[in-house]
């Protein structure tokens, strides 16, 4: 199948084809004694993920575990559907996100308010999962993959308060979720993922520092794909995140409105390879500059307190 890439050591990248786009959101199958799916993609992607797993020999009774790095709909929106397709799989998530998988009413309602009609074309609705099938992790945990292999989990906030990272004990692969931002394979650029309401620069930098200290062999980005130049990419991701925060701060100081702040950030953060195939539209669909600007500004408001420039550029909510 053209949605599957064999990454070696029984690890397979699955292109979830979010919104019909190719190569923006990945799930990963660790196929072994206890097969594990990392990230489900959106609800609309669930049939693609199911068919990919079945092509790889994982039928309805075989999948042991589904783990999501966090509950944003591009990562976990398909949990309820995948749980129905694979009734023996246990669903693993950080304890701060577990209740939203069991009862997604508030999460889905909030997403409809934010995204409007895009919900029906890009995400779909997250279905509830039986509480008995949800395992809530603390800040440190371990997932049994069988035959002595584990996914060791650690708390990685900054992008979201319920975010975890995952380290494969056998391969040294680190599943980053959104904690290290978005990697664009066409240009090898990285861009931040800083949406409201949870973005926190200090926590995000701490999480990336922890990833550096772990010294993984490879990064497996949910957006998108494997990276072997681990320390260079993490260093560039850190630098780019700080640069975006500085740009938003500058826009606030200039009293720009949201549209002008977004235009300034877009102009200042063009891909390095100007000859690369243009792919901005799909990365904007995944992680819009406007949402990132608003998320950064919300954090700046909280940092600066009552005296902040709350009427300026990026503190304008969508």
C-alpha atoms as a PDB file:
ATOM      1  CA  UNK A   1       0.000   0.000   0.000  1.00  0.00           C
ATOM      2  CA  UNK A   2       1.216   3.497  -0.776  1.00  0.00           C
ATOM      3  CA  UNK A   3       0.331   4.672   2.752  1.00  0.00           C
ATOM      4  CA  UNK A   4       2.994   2.426   4.337  1.00  0.00           C
ATOM      5  CA  UNK A   5       6.752   2.934   4.669  1.00  0.00           C
ATOM      6  CA  UNK A   6       8.931   0.255   6.288  1.00  0.00           C
ATOM      7  CA  UNK A   7      11.354   2.023   8.673  1.00  0.00           C
ATOM      8  CA  UNK A   8      13.095  -1.155   9.833  1.00  0.00           C
ATOM      9  CA  UNK A   9      13.048  -3.059  13.127  1.00  0.00           C
ATOM     10  CA  UNK A  10       9.341  -3.826  12.677  1.00  0.00           C
ATOM     11  CA  UNK A  11       8.444  -0.118  12.660  1.00  0.00           C
ATOM     12  CA  UNK A  12       6.120   1.102   9.900  1.00  0.00           C
ATOM     13  CA  UNK A  13       5.094   4.658   9.106  1.00  0.00           C
ATOM     14  CA  UNK A  14       1.444   4.992   8.112  1.00  0.00           C
ATOM     15  CA  UNK A  15       0.397   8.083   6.178  1.00  0.00           C
ATOM     16  CA  UNK A  16      -3.054   8.834   7.590  1.00  0.00           C
ATOM     17  CA  UNK A  17      -3.898  11.078   4.617  1.00  0.00           C
ATOM     18  CA  UNK A  18      -5.371  13.777   6.845  1.00  0.00           C
ATOM     19  CA  UNK A  19      -7.831  15.869   4.863  1.00  0.00           C
ATOM     20  CA  UNK A  20      -6.767  14.008   1.729  1.00  0.00           C
ATOM     21  CA  UNK A  21      -3.253  15.433   1.930  1.00  0.00           C
ATOM     22  CA  UNK A  22      -0.256  13.169   1.489  1.00  0.00           C
ATOM     23  CA  UNK A  23       2.620  13.323   3.953  1.00  0.00           C
ATOM     24  CA  UNK A  24       1.446  15.654   6.708  1.00  0.00           C
ATOM     25  CA  UNK A  25       0.289  13.343   9.530  1.00  0.00           C
ATOM     26  CA  UNK A  26       1.747   9.944  10.374  1.00  0.00           C
ATOM     27  CA  UNK A  27       0.834   7.093  12.638  1.00  0.00           C
ATOM     28  CA  UNK A  28       3.359   4.379  13.408  1.00  0.00           C
ATOM     29  CA  UNK A  29       2.940   0.641  13.870  1.00  0.00           C
ATOM     30  CA  UNK A  30       5.437  -1.205  16.034  1.00  0.00           C
ATOM     31  CA  UNK A  31       4.792  -4.764  14.884  1.00  0.00           C
ATOM     32  CA  UNK A  32       5.984  -7.363  17.334  1.00  0.00           C
ATOM     33  CA  UNK A  33       4.799  -9.710  20.022  1.00  0.00           C
ATOM     34  CA  UNK A  34       2.339  -7.052  21.244  1.00  0.00           C
ATOM     35  CA  UNK A  35       1.629  -4.796  18.240  1.00  0.00           C
ATOM     36  CA  UNK A  36       1.283  -1.123  19.112  1.00  0.00           C
ATOM     37  CA  UNK A  37      -0.093   1.798  17.112  1.00  0.00           C
ATOM     38  CA  UNK A  38       1.379   5.218  17.935  1.00  0.00           C
ATOM     39  CA  UNK A  39      -1.114   7.980  16.945  1.00  0.00           C
ATOM     40  CA  UNK A  40      -4.416   7.273  15.190  1.00  0.00           C
ATOM     41  CA  UNK A  41      -4.733  10.396  13.100  1.00  0.00           C
ATOM     42  CA  UNK A  42      -8.152  11.979  12.691  1.00  0.00           C
ATOM     43  CA  UNK A  43     -11.520  10.243  12.813  1.00  0.00           C
ATOM     44  CA  UNK A  44     -11.771  10.649   9.038  1.00  0.00           C
ATOM     45  CA  UNK A  45      -8.394   8.891   8.714  1.00  0.00           C
ATOM     46  CA  UNK A  46      -9.426   5.843  10.748  1.00  0.00           C
ATOM     47  CA  UNK A  47     -10.426   3.657   7.748  1.00  0.00           C
ATOM     48  CA  UNK A  48      -7.074   4.369   6.098  1.00  0.00           C
ATOM     49  CA  UNK A  49      -5.233   3.413   9.284  1.00  0.00           C
ATOM     50  CA  UNK A  50      -7.341   0.266   9.724  1.00  0.00           C
ATOM     51  CA  UNK A  51      -6.694  -0.872   6.154  1.00  0.00           C
ATOM     52  CA  UNK A  52      -2.961  -0.181   6.513  1.00  0.00           C
ATOM     53  CA  UNK A  53      -2.768  -2.225   9.706  1.00  0.00           C
ATOM     54  CA  UNK A  54      -4.647  -5.102   8.114  1.00  0.00           C
ATOM     55  CA  UNK A  55      -2.271  -4.993   5.115  1.00  0.00           C
ATOM     56  CA  UNK A  56       0.581  -5.355   7.621  1.00  0.00           C
ATOM     57  CA  UNK A  57      -1.057  -8.430   9.119  1.00  0.00           C
ATOM     58  CA  UNK A  58      -2.727  -6.791  12.099  1.00  0.00           C
ATOM     59  CA  UNK A  59      -6.323  -7.938  12.068  1.00  0.00           C
ATOM     60  CA  UNK A  60      -9.125  -6.925  14.449  1.00  0.00           C
ATOM     61  CA  UNK A  61      -7.967  -9.258  17.230  1.00  0.00           C
ATOM     62  CA  UNK A  62      -4.210  -8.626  16.981  1.00  0.00           C
ATOM     63  CA  UNK A  63      -3.616  -4.981  17.925  1.00  0.00           C
ATOM     64  CA  UNK A  64      -2.599  -4.869  21.606  1.00  0.00           C
ATOM     65  CA  UNK A  65      -2.107  -1.176  22.270  1.00  0.00           C
ATOM     66  CA  UNK A  66      -2.914   2.252  20.869  1.00  0.00           C
ATOM     67  CA  UNK A  67      -0.955   5.133  22.371  1.00  0.00           C
ATOM     68  CA  UNK A  68      -1.415   8.808  21.540  1.00  0.00           C
ATOM     69  CA  UNK A  69       1.110  11.494  22.403  1.00  0.00           C
ATOM     70  CA  UNK A  70      -1.748  13.914  23.137  1.00  0.00           C
ATOM     71  CA  UNK A  71      -5.451  14.309  22.432  1.00  0.00           C
ATOM     72  CA  UNK A  72      -5.477  16.928  19.672  1.00  0.00           C
ATOM     73  CA  UNK A  73      -7.711  15.666  16.885  1.00  0.00           C
ATOM     74  CA  UNK A  74      -4.965  15.233  14.281  1.00  0.00           C
ATOM     75  CA  UNK A  75      -3.284  12.766  16.660  1.00  0.00           C
ATOM     76  CA  UNK A  76      -6.122  11.155  18.607  1.00  0.00           C
ATOM     77  CA  UNK A  77      -9.329  11.985  16.739  1.00  0.00           C
ATOM     78  CA  UNK A  78      -9.533   8.422  15.451  1.00  0.00           C
ATOM     79  CA  UNK A  79      -9.181   6.732  18.846  1.00  0.00           C
ATOM     80  CA  UNK A  80     -12.873   5.861  19.194  1.00  0.00           C
ATOM     81  CA  UNK A  81     -13.065   4.431  15.667  1.00  0.00           C
ATOM     82  CA  UNK A  82      -9.819   2.474  16.002  1.00  0.00           C
ATOM     83  CA  UNK A  83     -11.014   1.113  19.360  1.00  0.00           C
ATOM     84  CA  UNK A  84     -14.125  -0.188  17.592  1.00  0.00           C
ATOM     85  CA  UNK A  85     -12.126  -1.698  14.733  1.00  0.00           C
ATOM     86  CA  UNK A  86      -9.652  -3.379  17.122  1.00  0.00           C
ATOM     87  CA  UNK A  87     -11.670  -4.447  20.201  1.00  0.00           C
ATOM     88  CA  UNK A  88      -8.733  -5.986  22.094  1.00  0.00           C
ATOM     89  CA  UNK A  89      -6.524  -2.880  21.994  1.00  0.00           C
ATOM     90  CA  UNK A  90      -5.893  -0.929  25.172  1.00  0.00           C
ATOM     91  CA  UNK A  91      -5.806   2.859  24.694  1.00  0.00           C
ATOM     92  CA  UNK A  92      -2.929   4.680  26.412  1.00  0.00           C
ATOM     93  CA  UNK A  93      -2.818   8.440  27.044  1.00  0.00           C
ATOM     94  CA  UNK A  94      -1.523  10.889  29.638  1.00  0.00           C
ATOM     95  CA  UNK A  95      -3.792  11.196  32.660  1.00  0.00           C
ATOM     96  CA  UNK A  96      -4.626  14.824  31.820  1.00  0.00           C
ATOM     97  CA  UNK A  97      -6.198  13.737  28.527  1.00  0.00           C
ATOM     98  CA  UNK A  98      -7.852  10.458  29.487  1.00  0.00           C
ATOM     99  CA  UNK A  99     -11.257  11.856  30.445  1.00  0.00           C
ATOM    100  CA  UNK A 100     -11.618  13.524  27.041  1.00  0.00           C
ATOM    101  CA  UNK A 101     -11.252  10.178  25.268  1.00  0.00           C
ATOM    102  CA  UNK A 102     -13.942   8.665  27.493  1.00  0.00           C
ATOM    103  CA  UNK A 103     -16.290  11.638  27.111  1.00  0.00           C
ATOM    104  CA  UNK A 104     -15.189  13.824  24.172  1.00  0.00           C
ATOM    105  CA  UNK A 105     -18.307  16.020  24.220  1.00  0.00           C
ATOM    106  CA  UNK A 106     -16.558  19.214  25.357  1.00  0.00           C
ATOM    107  CA  UNK A 107     -13.488  18.619  23.195  1.00  0.00           C
ATOM    108  CA  UNK A 108     -15.559  18.043  20.055  1.00  0.00           C
ATOM    109  CA  UNK A 109     -17.853  21.010  20.756  1.00  0.00           C
ATOM    110  CA  UNK A 110     -14.834  23.266  21.251  1.00  0.00           C
ATOM    111  CA  UNK A 111     -13.267  22.010  18.016  1.00  0.00           C
ATOM    112  CA  UNK A 112     -16.459  22.773  16.079  1.00  0.00           C
ATOM    113  CA  UNK A 113     -16.467  26.320  17.463  1.00  0.00           C
ATOM    114  CA  UNK A 114     -12.836  26.859  16.466  1.00  0.00           C
ATOM    115  CA  UNK A 115     -12.752  25.095  13.085  1.00  0.00           C
ATOM    116  CA  UNK A 116     -16.351  25.420  11.862  1.00  0.00           C
ATOM    117  CA  UNK A 117     -17.073  23.540   8.634  1.00  0.00           C
ATOM    118  CA  UNK A 118     -13.437  22.414   8.412  1.00  0.00           C
ATOM    119  CA  UNK A 119     -14.254  19.855  11.108  1.00  0.00           C
ATOM    120  CA  UNK A 120     -16.291  17.923   8.554  1.00  0.00           C
ATOM    121  CA  UNK A 121     -13.557  17.842   5.901  1.00  0.00           C
ATOM    122  CA  UNK A 122     -10.335  17.731   7.902  1.00  0.00           C
ATOM    123  CA  UNK A 123     -11.028  16.029  11.237  1.00  0.00           C
ATOM    124  CA  UNK A 124     -14.420  14.465  11.880  1.00  0.00           C
ATOM    125  CA  UNK A 125     -15.773  13.853  15.385  1.00  0.00           C
ATOM    126  CA  UNK A 126     -13.907  11.923  18.072  1.00  0.00           C
ATOM    127  CA  UNK A 127     -16.060   9.016  19.291  1.00  0.00           C
ATOM    128  CA  UNK A 128     -16.072   8.039  22.992  1.00  0.00           C
ATOM    129  CA  UNK A 129     -14.022   5.080  24.234  1.00  0.00           C
ATOM    130  CA  UNK A 130     -15.078   2.754  27.049  1.00  0.00           C
ATOM    131  CA  UNK A 131     -13.290   3.884  30.225  1.00  0.00           C
ATOM    132  CA  UNK A 132     -12.290   0.282  30.970  1.00  0.00           C
ATOM    133  CA  UNK A 133     -10.124   0.314  27.857  1.00  0.00           C
ATOM    134  CA  UNK A 134      -8.286   3.568  28.641  1.00  0.00           C
ATOM    135  CA  UNK A 135      -4.987   3.449  30.539  1.00  0.00           C
ATOM    136  CA  UNK A 136      -4.042   6.819  32.033  1.00  0.00           C
ATOM    137  CA  UNK A 137      -0.306   7.375  32.424  1.00  0.00           C
ATOM    138  CA  UNK A 138       1.421   9.613  34.913  1.00  0.00           C
ATOM    139  CA  UNK A 139       4.430  11.689  33.973  1.00  0.00           C
ATOM    140  CA  UNK A 140       6.568   8.553  33.572  1.00  0.00           C
ATOM    141  CA  UNK A 141       5.358   5.187  32.315  1.00  0.00           C
ATOM    142  CA  UNK A 142       6.118   2.115  30.239  1.00  0.00           C
ATOM    143  CA  UNK A 143       4.195   0.231  27.571  1.00  0.00           C
ATOM    144  CA  UNK A 144       4.924  -3.463  27.081  1.00  0.00           C
ATOM    145  CA  UNK A 145       5.616  -4.310  23.444  1.00  0.00           C
ATOM    146  CA  UNK A 146       6.455  -7.924  24.240  1.00  0.00           C
ATOM    147  CA  UNK A 147       9.682  -9.915  24.075  1.00  0.00           C
ATOM    148  CA  UNK A 148      11.428  -7.466  26.426  1.00  0.00           C
ATOM    149  CA  UNK A 149      10.757  -4.416  24.243  1.00  0.00           C
ATOM    150  CA  UNK A 150       9.070  -1.367  25.774  1.00  0.00           C
ATOM    151  CA  UNK A 151       7.937   2.140  24.947  1.00  0.00           C
ATOM    152  CA  UNK A 152       9.126   4.288  27.832  1.00  0.00           C
ATOM    153  CA  UNK A 153       7.020   7.408  28.253  1.00  0.00           C
ATOM    154  CA  UNK A 154       7.860  10.802  29.692  1.00  0.00           C
ATOM    155  CA  UNK A 155       5.917  14.019  30.225  1.00  0.00           C
ATOM    156  CA  UNK A 156       6.599  16.539  27.446  1.00  0.00           C
ATOM    157  CA  UNK A 157       4.388  19.622  27.922  1.00  0.00           C
ATOM    158  CA  UNK A 158       4.703  22.967  26.165  1.00  0.00           C
ATOM    159  CA  UNK A 159       2.639  22.223  23.077  1.00  0.00           C
ATOM    160  CA  UNK A 160      -0.128  20.754  25.248  1.00  0.00           C
ATOM    161  CA  UNK A 161      -0.523  20.084  28.955  1.00  0.00           C
ATOM    162  CA  UNK A 162      -1.347  16.416  28.275  1.00  0.00           C
ATOM    163  CA  UNK A 163       1.583  15.654  25.953  1.00  0.00           C
ATOM    164  CA  UNK A 164       3.982  12.709  26.324  1.00  0.00           C
ATOM    165  CA  UNK A 165       7.054  11.537  24.433  1.00  0.00           C
ATOM    166  CA  UNK A 166       7.790   7.872  23.727  1.00  0.00           C
ATOM    167  CA  UNK A 167      11.170   6.115  23.520  1.00  0.00           C
ATOM    168  CA  UNK A 168      11.515   2.641  21.989  1.00  0.00           C
ATOM    169  CA  UNK A 169      13.898   0.615  24.167  1.00  0.00           C
ATOM    170  CA  UNK A 170      14.881  -1.587  21.231  1.00  0.00           C
ATOM    171  CA  UNK A 171      15.602   0.982  18.528  1.00  0.00           C
ATOM    172  CA  UNK A 172      16.185   4.262  20.356  1.00  0.00           C
ATOM    173  CA  UNK A 173      13.403   5.821  18.272  1.00  0.00           C
ATOM    174  CA  UNK A 174      11.798   8.846  19.911  1.00  0.00           C
ATOM    175  CA  UNK A 175       8.177   9.556  18.987  1.00  0.00           C
ATOM    176  CA  UNK A 176       7.955  13.322  19.285  1.00  0.00           C
ATOM    177  CA  UNK A 177       4.262  14.076  18.727  1.00  0.00           C
ATOM    178  CA  UNK A 178       4.259  17.880  18.459  1.00  0.00           C
ATOM    179  CA  UNK A 179       6.734  18.529  21.275  1.00  0.00           C
ATOM    180  CA  UNK A 180       9.563  19.227  18.804  1.00  0.00           C
ATOM    181  CA  UNK A 181       7.347  21.062  16.340  1.00  0.00           C
ATOM    182  CA  UNK A 182       6.613  20.158  12.722  1.00  0.00           C
ATOM    183  CA  UNK A 183       9.264  18.738  10.381  1.00  0.00           C
ATOM    184  CA  UNK A 184       8.766  19.404   6.653  1.00  0.00           C
ATOM    185  CA  UNK A 185      10.583  16.646   4.747  1.00  0.00           C
ATOM    186  CA  UNK A 186      10.425  18.449   1.384  1.00  0.00           C
ATOM    187  CA  UNK A 187      12.668  21.263   2.648  1.00  0.00           C
ATOM    188  CA  UNK A 188      14.050  19.839   5.925  1.00  0.00           C
ATOM    189  CA  UNK A 189      12.638  22.929   7.637  1.00  0.00           C
ATOM    190  CA  UNK A 190      11.080  22.839  11.079  1.00  0.00           C
ATOM    191  CA  UNK A 191       8.253  25.080  12.215  1.00  0.00           C
ATOM    192  CA  UNK A 192       6.709  25.483  15.630  1.00  0.00           C
ATOM    193  CA  UNK A 193       3.348  24.098  16.694  1.00  0.00           C
ATOM    194  CA  UNK A 194       2.099  26.644  19.228  1.00  0.00           C
ATOM    195  CA  UNK A 195      -1.710  26.673  19.162  1.00  0.00           C
ATOM    196  CA  UNK A 196      -3.844  27.975  21.997  1.00  0.00           C
ATOM    197  CA  UNK A 197      -4.714  27.367  24.733  1.00  0.00           C
ATOM    198  CA  UNK A 198      -1.823  25.373  26.213  1.00  0.00           C
ATOM    199  CA  UNK A 199       1.332  26.647  24.527  1.00  0.00           C
ATOM    200  CA  UNK A 200       4.036  27.507  27.046  1.00  0.00           C
ATOM    201  CA  UNK A 201       7.490  28.483  25.785  1.00  0.00           C
ATOM    202  CA  UNK A 202       9.352  27.610  28.970  1.00  0.00           C
ATOM    203  CA  UNK A 203       7.828  24.135  29.174  1.00  0.00           C
ATOM    204  CA  UNK A 204       8.353  23.546  25.451  1.00  0.00           C
ATOM    205  CA  UNK A 205      12.064  24.377  25.759  1.00  0.00           C
ATOM    206  CA  UNK A 206      12.361  22.095  28.790  1.00  0.00           C
ATOM    207  CA  UNK A 207      10.733  19.255  26.856  1.00  0.00           C
ATOM    208  CA  UNK A 208      13.121  19.700  23.924  1.00  0.00           C
ATOM    209  CA  UNK A 209      16.080  19.820  26.298  1.00  0.00           C
ATOM    210  CA  UNK A 210      14.908  16.514  27.758  1.00  0.00           C
ATOM    211  CA  UNK A 211      14.774  15.033  24.262  1.00  0.00           C
ATOM    212  CA  UNK A 212      18.348  16.149  23.641  1.00  0.00           C
ATOM    213  CA  UNK A 213      19.454  14.587  26.943  1.00  0.00           C
ATOM    214  CA  UNK A 214      17.806  11.284  26.011  1.00  0.00           C
ATOM    215  CA  UNK A 215      20.061  11.181  22.927  1.00  0.00           C
ATOM    216  CA  UNK A 216      17.732   9.125  20.705  1.00  0.00           C
ATOM    217  CA  UNK A 217      18.914   7.351  17.584  1.00  0.00           C
ATOM    218  CA  UNK A 218      16.090   8.747  15.474  1.00  0.00           C
ATOM    219  CA  UNK A 219      13.159  11.152  15.751  1.00  0.00           C
ATOM    220  CA  UNK A 220       9.785   9.989  14.456  1.00  0.00           C
ATOM    221  CA  UNK A 221       7.687  13.087  13.866  1.00  0.00           C
ATOM    222  CA  UNK A 222       3.923  12.825  13.707  1.00  0.00           C
ATOM    223  CA  UNK A 223       4.315  15.697  11.207  1.00  0.00           C
ATOM    224  CA  UNK A 224       6.202  14.281   9.369  1.00  0.00           C
ATOM    225  CA  UNK A 225       8.353  11.202   9.260  1.00  0.00           C
ATOM    226  CA  UNK A 226      11.743   9.926  10.434  1.00  0.00           C
ATOM    227  CA  UNK A 227      14.783  12.121  11.090  1.00  0.00           C
ATOM    228  CA  UNK A 228      18.263  10.768  11.781  1.00  0.00           C
ATOM    229  CA  UNK A 229      20.076  14.101  12.161  1.00  0.00           C
ATOM    230  CA  UNK A 230      18.656  14.270  15.660  1.00  0.00           C
ATOM    231  CA  UNK A 231      20.650  16.975  17.408  1.00  0.00           C
ATOM    232  CA  UNK A 232      20.738  19.350  14.441  1.00  0.00           C
ATOM    233  CA  UNK A 233      16.968  19.159  13.975  1.00  0.00           C
ATOM    234  CA  UNK A 234      16.241  19.574  17.691  1.00  0.00           C
ATOM    235  CA  UNK A 235      18.596  22.562  17.828  1.00  0.00           C
ATOM    236  CA  UNK A 236      16.933  24.152  14.798  1.00  0.00           C
ATOM    237  CA  UNK A 237      13.488  23.467  16.197  1.00  0.00           C
ATOM    238  CA  UNK A 238      14.452  25.256  19.413  1.00  0.00           C
ATOM    239  CA  UNK A 239      15.879  28.222  17.495  1.00  0.00           C
ATOM    240  CA  UNK A 240      12.825  28.488  15.247  1.00  0.00           C
ATOM    241  CA  UNK A 241      10.442  28.390  18.210  1.00  0.00           C
ATOM    242  CA  UNK A 242      12.295  31.233  19.918  1.00  0.00           C
ATOM    243  CA  UNK A 243      12.358  33.170  16.631  1.00  0.00           C
ATOM    244  CA  UNK A 244       8.579  32.915  16.237  1.00  0.00           C
ATOM    245  CA  UNK A 245       8.028  34.073  19.812  1.00  0.00           C
ATOM    246  CA  UNK A 246      10.327  37.047  19.184  1.00  0.00           C
ATOM    247  CA  UNK A 247       8.441  37.904  15.976  1.00  0.00           C
ATOM    248  CA  UNK A 248       5.080  37.828  17.745  1.00  0.00           C
ATOM    249  CA  UNK A 249       6.488  39.990  20.527  1.00  0.00           C
ATOM    250  CA  UNK A 250       7.709  42.448  17.907  1.00  0.00           C
ATOM    251  CA  UNK A 251       4.259  42.519  16.277  1.00  0.00           C
ATOM    252  CA  UNK A 252       2.671  43.313  19.633  1.00  0.00           C
ATOM    253  CA  UNK A 253       5.130  46.113  20.242  1.00  0.00           C
ATOM    254  CA  UNK A 254       4.229  47.547  16.816  1.00  0.00           C
ATOM    255  CA  UNK A 255       0.501  47.322  17.697  1.00  0.00           C
ATOM    256  CA  UNK A 256      -0.217  45.229  14.611  1.00  0.00           C
ATOM    257  CA  UNK A 257      -3.591  43.533  14.303  1.00  0.00           C
ATOM    258  CA  UNK A 258      -3.762  39.771  13.851  1.00  0.00           C
ATOM    259  CA  UNK A 259      -3.836  39.781  10.035  1.00  0.00           C
ATOM    260  CA  UNK A 260      -0.772  42.008   9.793  1.00  0.00           C
ATOM    261  CA  UNK A 261       1.049  40.049  12.492  1.00  0.00           C
ATOM    262  CA  UNK A 262       0.423  36.801  10.606  1.00  0.00           C
ATOM    263  CA  UNK A 263       1.600  38.373   7.344  1.00  0.00           C
ATOM    264  CA  UNK A 264       4.800  39.539   9.017  1.00  0.00           C
ATOM    265  CA  UNK A 265       5.505  36.109  10.500  1.00  0.00           C
ATOM    266  CA  UNK A 266       4.844  34.398   7.161  1.00  0.00           C
ATOM    267  CA  UNK A 267       7.220  36.767   5.372  1.00  0.00           C
ATOM    268  CA  UNK A 268       9.968  36.269   7.949  1.00  0.00           C
ATOM    269  CA  UNK A 269       9.682  32.457   8.106  1.00  0.00           C
ATOM    270  CA  UNK A 270       9.701  31.377   4.468  1.00  0.00           C
ATOM    271  CA  UNK A 271      11.281  27.943   3.776  1.00  0.00           C
ATOM    272  CA  UNK A 272      15.026  28.005   3.286  1.00  0.00           C
ATOM    273  CA  UNK A 273      14.886  26.171  -0.052  1.00  0.00           C
ATOM    274  CA  UNK A 274      13.074  28.613  -2.319  1.00  0.00           C
ATOM    275  CA  UNK A 275      13.285  26.133  -5.219  1.00  0.00           C
ATOM    276  CA  UNK A 276      11.481  23.350  -3.363  1.00  0.00           C
ATOM    277  CA  UNK A 277       8.050  22.182  -4.463  1.00  0.00           C
ATOM    278  CA  UNK A 278       5.541  24.592  -2.931  1.00  0.00           C
ATOM    279  CA  UNK A 279       3.724  22.842  -0.061  1.00  0.00           C
ATOM    280  CA  UNK A 280       2.778  25.786   2.155  1.00  0.00           C
ATOM    281  CA  UNK A 281      -0.947  25.206   1.688  1.00  0.00           C
ATOM    282  CA  UNK A 282      -0.974  21.787   3.302  1.00  0.00           C
ATOM    283  CA  UNK A 283       1.210  22.814   6.238  1.00  0.00           C
ATOM    284  CA  UNK A 284      -1.050  25.810   6.779  1.00  0.00           C
ATOM    285  CA  UNK A 285      -4.024  23.416   6.799  1.00  0.00           C
ATOM    286  CA  UNK A 286      -2.280  21.319   9.428  1.00  0.00           C
ATOM    287  CA  UNK A 287      -0.833  24.049  11.657  1.00  0.00           C
ATOM    288  CA  UNK A 288      -1.850  27.516  10.574  1.00  0.00           C
ATOM    289  CA  UNK A 289       0.368  30.501  11.181  1.00  0.00           C
ATOM    290  CA  UNK A 290      -2.634  32.361  12.610  1.00  0.00           C
ATOM    291  CA  UNK A 291      -3.252  29.668  15.252  1.00  0.00           C
ATOM    292  CA  UNK A 292       0.442  29.624  16.141  1.00  0.00           C
ATOM    293  CA  UNK A 293       0.541  33.406  16.470  1.00  0.00           C
ATOM    294  CA  UNK A 294      -2.551  33.422  18.675  1.00  0.00           C
ATOM    295  CA  UNK A 295      -1.114  30.660  20.871  1.00  0.00           C
ATOM    296  CA  UNK A 296       2.159  32.506  21.357  1.00  0.00           C
ATOM    297  CA  UNK A 297       0.380  35.749  22.143  1.00  0.00           C
ATOM    298  CA  UNK A 298      -1.833  34.055  24.686  1.00  0.00           C
ATOM    299  CA  UNK A 299       1.295  32.786  26.427  1.00  0.00           C
ATOM    300  CA  UNK A 300       2.826  36.266  26.275  1.00  0.00           C
ATOM    301  CA  UNK A 301      -0.341  37.679  27.850  1.00  0.00           C
ATOM    302  CA  UNK A 302      -0.032  35.237  30.722  1.00  0.00           C
ATOM    303  CA  UNK A 303       3.661  35.928  31.139  1.00  0.00           C
ATOM    304  CA  UNK A 304       3.293  39.698  31.031  1.00  0.00           C
ATOM    305  CA  UNK A 305       0.256  39.798  33.314  1.00  0.00           C
ATOM    306  CA  UNK A 306      -2.368  42.564  33.536  1.00  0.00           C
ATOM    307  CA  UNK A 307      -0.056  45.151  32.027  1.00  0.00           C
ATOM    308  CA  UNK A 308       0.451  43.218  28.800  1.00  0.00           C
ATOM    309  CA  UNK A 309      -0.514  44.569  25.384  1.00  0.00           C
ATOM    310  CA  UNK A 310      -3.635  42.386  25.276  1.00  0.00           C
ATOM    311  CA  UNK A 311      -5.259  44.387  22.482  1.00  0.00           C
ATOM    312  CA  UNK A 312      -2.325  44.030  20.141  1.00  0.00           C
ATOM    313  CA  UNK A 313      -1.507  41.696  17.287  1.00  0.00           C
ATOM    314  CA  UNK A 314      -1.642  38.115  18.252  1.00  0.00           C
ATOM    315  CA  UNK A 315      -3.767  38.299  21.328  1.00  0.00           C
ATOM    316  CA  UNK A 316      -6.781  38.578  19.019  1.00  0.00           C
ATOM    317  CA  UNK A 317      -8.568  35.226  19.131  1.00  0.00           C
ATOM    318  CA  UNK A 318      -9.967  33.551  16.023  1.00  0.00           C
END
